[in-house]
C-alpha atoms as a PDB file:
ATOM      1  CA  MET A   1    -141.131  32.429 243.020  1.00  0.00           C
ATOM      2  CA  VAL A   2    -139.343  35.248 241.158  1.00  0.00           C
ATOM      3  CA  HIS A   3    -139.454  37.700 244.533  1.00  0.00           C
ATOM      4  CA  GLY A   4    -137.653  34.452 245.908  1.00  0.00           C
ATOM      5  CA  ILE A   5    -134.780  34.817 243.566  1.00  0.00           C
ATOM      6  CA  PRO A   6    -131.812  37.338 244.910  1.00  0.00           C
ATOM      7  CA  HIS A   7    -131.145  40.092 243.072  1.00  0.00           C
ATOM      8  CA  THR A   8    -127.287  38.830 242.976  1.00  0.00           C
ATOM      9  CA  GLU A   9    -128.254  35.992 240.773  1.00  0.00           C
ATOM     10  CA  LYS A  10    -128.745  36.295 237.044  1.00  0.00           C
ATOM     11  CA  LEU A  11    -132.582  35.785 236.157  1.00  0.00           C
ATOM     12  CA  PHE A  12    -133.639  34.733 232.902  1.00  0.00           C
ATOM     13  CA  ILE A  13    -137.041  33.407 232.003  1.00  0.00           C
ATOM     14  CA  GLY A  14    -137.982  31.805 228.405  1.00  0.00           C
ATOM     15  CA  GLU A  15    -141.271  30.575 227.944  1.00  0.00           C
ATOM     16  CA  ASP A  16    -144.415  30.579 225.276  1.00  0.00           C
ATOM     17  CA  PHE A  17    -146.829  33.201 226.999  1.00  0.00           C
ATOM     18  CA  LYS A  18    -149.037  32.679 224.652  1.00  0.00           C
ATOM     19  CA  GLY A  19    -149.497  36.692 224.704  1.00  0.00           C
ATOM     20  CA  LEU A  20    -148.856  39.444 222.406  1.00  0.00           C
ATOM     21  CA  ILE A  21    -146.899  42.357 223.472  1.00  0.00           C
ATOM     22  CA  GLY A  22    -147.355  43.845 219.900  1.00  0.00           C
ATOM     23  CA  ALA A  23    -145.149  45.619 217.284  1.00  0.00           C
ATOM     24  CA  THR A  24    -144.567  49.021 219.794  1.00  0.00           C
ATOM     25  CA  SER A  25    -143.918  49.740 223.400  1.00  0.00           C
ATOM     26  CA  GLY A  26    -147.430  51.678 223.740  1.00  0.00           C
ATOM     27  CA  GLY A  27    -147.124  53.129 227.189  1.00  0.00           C
ATOM     28  CA  TYR A  28    -144.811  50.142 228.361  1.00  0.00           C
ATOM     29  CA  ASP A  29    -141.181  51.856 227.685  1.00  0.00           C
ATOM     30  CA  ASP A  30    -139.645  50.344 230.972  1.00  0.00           C
ATOM     31  CA  VAL A  31    -140.289  47.084 229.811  1.00  0.00           C
ATOM     32  CA  HIS A  32    -140.685  46.985 225.786  1.00  0.00           C
ATOM     33  CA  ASP A  33    -138.149  48.688 223.837  1.00  0.00           C
ATOM     34  CA  GLY A  34    -140.231  48.637 220.750  1.00  0.00           C
ATOM     35  CA  PHE A  35    -139.238  46.174 218.227  1.00  0.00           C
ATOM     36  CA  GLY A  36    -141.840  43.483 218.700  1.00  0.00           C
ATOM     37  CA  PHE A  37    -144.020  42.436 216.139  1.00  0.00           C
ATOM     38  CA  GLY A  38    -148.045  42.110 215.234  1.00  0.00           C
ATOM     39  CA  ASP A  39    -150.635  43.917 217.219  1.00  0.00           C
ATOM     40  CA  ARG A  40    -151.092  43.529 221.592  1.00  0.00           C
ATOM     41  CA  ASN A  41    -153.609  41.462 222.855  1.00  0.00           C
ATOM     42  CA  GLY A  42    -155.050  41.042 226.715  1.00  0.00           C
ATOM     43  CA  GLU A  43    -152.226  38.389 227.192  1.00  0.00           C
ATOM     44  CA  GLY A  44    -149.631  40.292 226.041  1.00  0.00           C
ATOM     45  CA  THR A  45    -150.658  43.220 228.121  1.00  0.00           C
ATOM     46  CA  SER A  46    -150.537  40.659 231.300  1.00  0.00           C
ATOM     47  CA  LEU A  47    -147.311  39.724 230.266  1.00  0.00           C
ATOM     48  CA  LEU A  48    -146.019  43.670 230.121  1.00  0.00           C
ATOM     49  CA  ASP A  49    -147.404  44.262 233.555  1.00  0.00           C
ATOM     50  CA  PHE A  50    -145.799  41.272 235.285  1.00  0.00           C
ATOM     51  CA  ALA A  51    -142.663  42.573 233.656  1.00  0.00           C
ATOM     52  CA  ARG A  52    -143.070  45.592 235.168  1.00  0.00           C
ATOM     53  CA  ALA A  53    -143.886  44.172 238.566  1.00  0.00           C
ATOM     54  CA  PHE A  54    -140.986  42.337 238.881  1.00  0.00           C
ATOM     55  CA  ASP A  55    -138.194  45.049 237.289  1.00  0.00           C
ATOM     56  CA  LEU A  56    -137.827  42.419 234.031  1.00  0.00           C
ATOM     57  CA  VAL A  57    -137.580  43.286 230.549  1.00  0.00           C
ATOM     58  CA  ILE A  58    -138.552  41.503 227.426  1.00  0.00           C
ATOM     59  CA  ALA A  59    -135.579  41.007 225.397  1.00  0.00           C
ATOM     60  CA  ASN A  60    -136.968  40.236 222.206  1.00  0.00           C
ATOM     61  CA  SER A  61    -138.289  43.784 222.008  1.00  0.00           C
ATOM     62  CA  SER A  62    -134.499  45.284 222.511  1.00  0.00           C
ATOM     63  CA  PHE A  63    -133.264  44.565 219.114  1.00  0.00           C
ATOM     64  CA  PRO A  64    -134.590  45.616 215.832  1.00  0.00           C
ATOM     65  CA  LYS A  65    -135.171  42.617 213.618  1.00  0.00           C
ATOM     66  CA  GLN A  66    -136.755  41.461 210.270  1.00  0.00           C
ATOM     67  CA  ARG A  67    -139.903  39.913 210.319  1.00  0.00           C
ATOM     68  CA  GLU A  68    -138.350  36.219 209.667  1.00  0.00           C
ATOM     69  CA  TYR A  69    -136.333  36.785 213.385  1.00  0.00           C
ATOM     70  CA  LEU A  70    -139.258  37.990 215.235  1.00  0.00           C
ATOM     71  CA  VAL A  71    -141.631  35.021 214.368  1.00  0.00           C
ATOM     72  CA  THR A  72    -141.379  32.695 217.271  1.00  0.00           C
ATOM     73  CA  PHE A  73    -144.617  30.562 216.325  1.00  0.00           C
ATOM     74  CA  ARG A  74    -145.677  29.899 212.454  1.00  0.00           C
ATOM     75  CA  SER A  75    -148.470  27.792 211.558  1.00  0.00           C
ATOM     76  CA  SER A  76    -150.111  27.352 207.970  1.00  0.00           C
ATOM     77  CA  MET A  77    -152.723  29.601 209.455  1.00  0.00           C
ATOM     78  CA  THR A  78    -150.890  32.628 211.432  1.00  0.00           C
ATOM     79  CA  GLU A  79    -147.344  33.569 212.362  1.00  0.00           C
ATOM     80  CA  THR A  80    -147.025  34.960 215.838  1.00  0.00           C
ATOM     81  CA  GLN A  81    -144.483  36.489 218.244  1.00  0.00           C
ATOM     82  CA  ILE A  82    -145.639  34.406 221.435  1.00  0.00           C
ATOM     83  CA  ASP A  83    -142.312  33.199 223.043  1.00  0.00           C
ATOM     84  CA  TYR A  84    -140.180  35.566 224.830  1.00  0.00           C
ATOM     85  CA  LEU A  85    -137.013  35.823 226.936  1.00  0.00           C
ATOM     86  CA  LEU A  86    -137.199  38.230 230.124  1.00  0.00           C
ATOM     87  CA  CYS A  87    -134.078  39.386 232.165  1.00  0.00           C
ATOM     88  CA  ARG A  88    -133.878  41.809 234.730  1.00  0.00           C
ATOM     89  CA  LYS A  89    -133.522  45.402 233.890  1.00  0.00           C
ATOM     90  CA  SER A  90    -130.543  45.509 235.880  1.00  0.00           C
ATOM     91  CA  ASP A  91    -128.822  42.624 233.497  1.00  0.00           C
ATOM     92  CA  ARG A  92    -130.247  44.574 230.395  1.00  0.00           C
ATOM     93  CA  GLY A  93    -126.399  45.390 229.435  1.00  0.00           C
ATOM     94  CA  LEU A  94    -125.434  41.705 229.258  1.00  0.00           C
ATOM     95  CA  CYS A  95    -127.797  41.055 226.321  1.00  0.00           C
ATOM     96  CA  THR A  96    -126.090  41.812 223.097  1.00  0.00           C
ATOM     97  CA  ASN A  97    -129.070  40.095 220.937  1.00  0.00           C
ATOM     98  CA  CYS A  98    -132.109  38.425 221.008  1.00  0.00           C
ATOM     99  CA  LYS A  99    -133.429  36.660 217.108  1.00  0.00           C
ATOM    100  CA  VAL A 100    -135.324  33.598 216.309  1.00  0.00           C
ATOM    101  CA  ILE A 101    -133.424  30.852 214.146  1.00  0.00           C
ATOM    102  CA  PRO A 102    -135.057  30.714 211.331  1.00  0.00           C
ATOM    103  CA  SER A 103    -135.975  26.785 210.389  1.00  0.00           C
ATOM    104  CA  GLU A 104    -138.149  25.219 207.807  1.00  0.00           C
ATOM    105  CA  ASN A 105    -138.410  22.385 210.165  1.00  0.00           C
ATOM    106  CA  ARG A 106    -142.460  21.308 210.050  1.00  0.00           C
ATOM    107  CA  SER A 107    -142.130  19.039 213.203  1.00  0.00           C
ATOM    108  CA  THR A 108    -142.617  21.672 215.300  1.00  0.00           C
ATOM    109  CA  LEU A 109    -144.455  25.224 214.950  1.00  0.00           C
ATOM    110  CA  HIS A 110    -142.169  27.088 217.509  1.00  0.00           C
ATOM    111  CA  ARG A 111    -139.165  28.378 216.312  1.00  0.00           C
ATOM    112  CA  LEU A 112    -135.866  28.425 218.312  1.00  0.00           C
ATOM    113  CA  LEU A 113    -135.379  31.553 220.350  1.00  0.00           C
ATOM    114  CA  VAL A 114    -132.018  32.485 221.613  1.00  0.00           C
ATOM    115  CA  ILE A 115    -130.165  35.402 223.585  1.00  0.00           C
ATOM    116  CA  THR A 116    -126.378  36.356 223.106  1.00  0.00           C
ATOM    117  CA  LEU A 117    -124.814  37.522 226.215  1.00  0.00           C
ATOM    118  CA  ARG A 118    -121.919  39.148 227.057  1.00  0.00           C
ATOM    119  CA  SER A 119    -119.283  37.532 228.815  1.00  0.00           C
END
């Protein structure tokens, strides 16, 4: 599906990918800017490989943030970063910020993830 979208179109993908990309880029400097959360797992490696294959970057990893602005999923048992926003590498310059909006709303375990774009 990603290949079918012309490069002249802006592409942003937001999803609960269930993977953990980890706090550091660890060999994925082209798609992970080193500002993640936690430890990488197999699903996170698959997400990074997907981003690399389609010339995307993980926008969440592009901006240094405190823990509360990185954690996208919080329960009584754990807190992780599993929701990600991806964009084309060529559009990376449009992204000026990407962060979680902290909330004490207990009706959902996922926290709102937003991206700010240059106009």
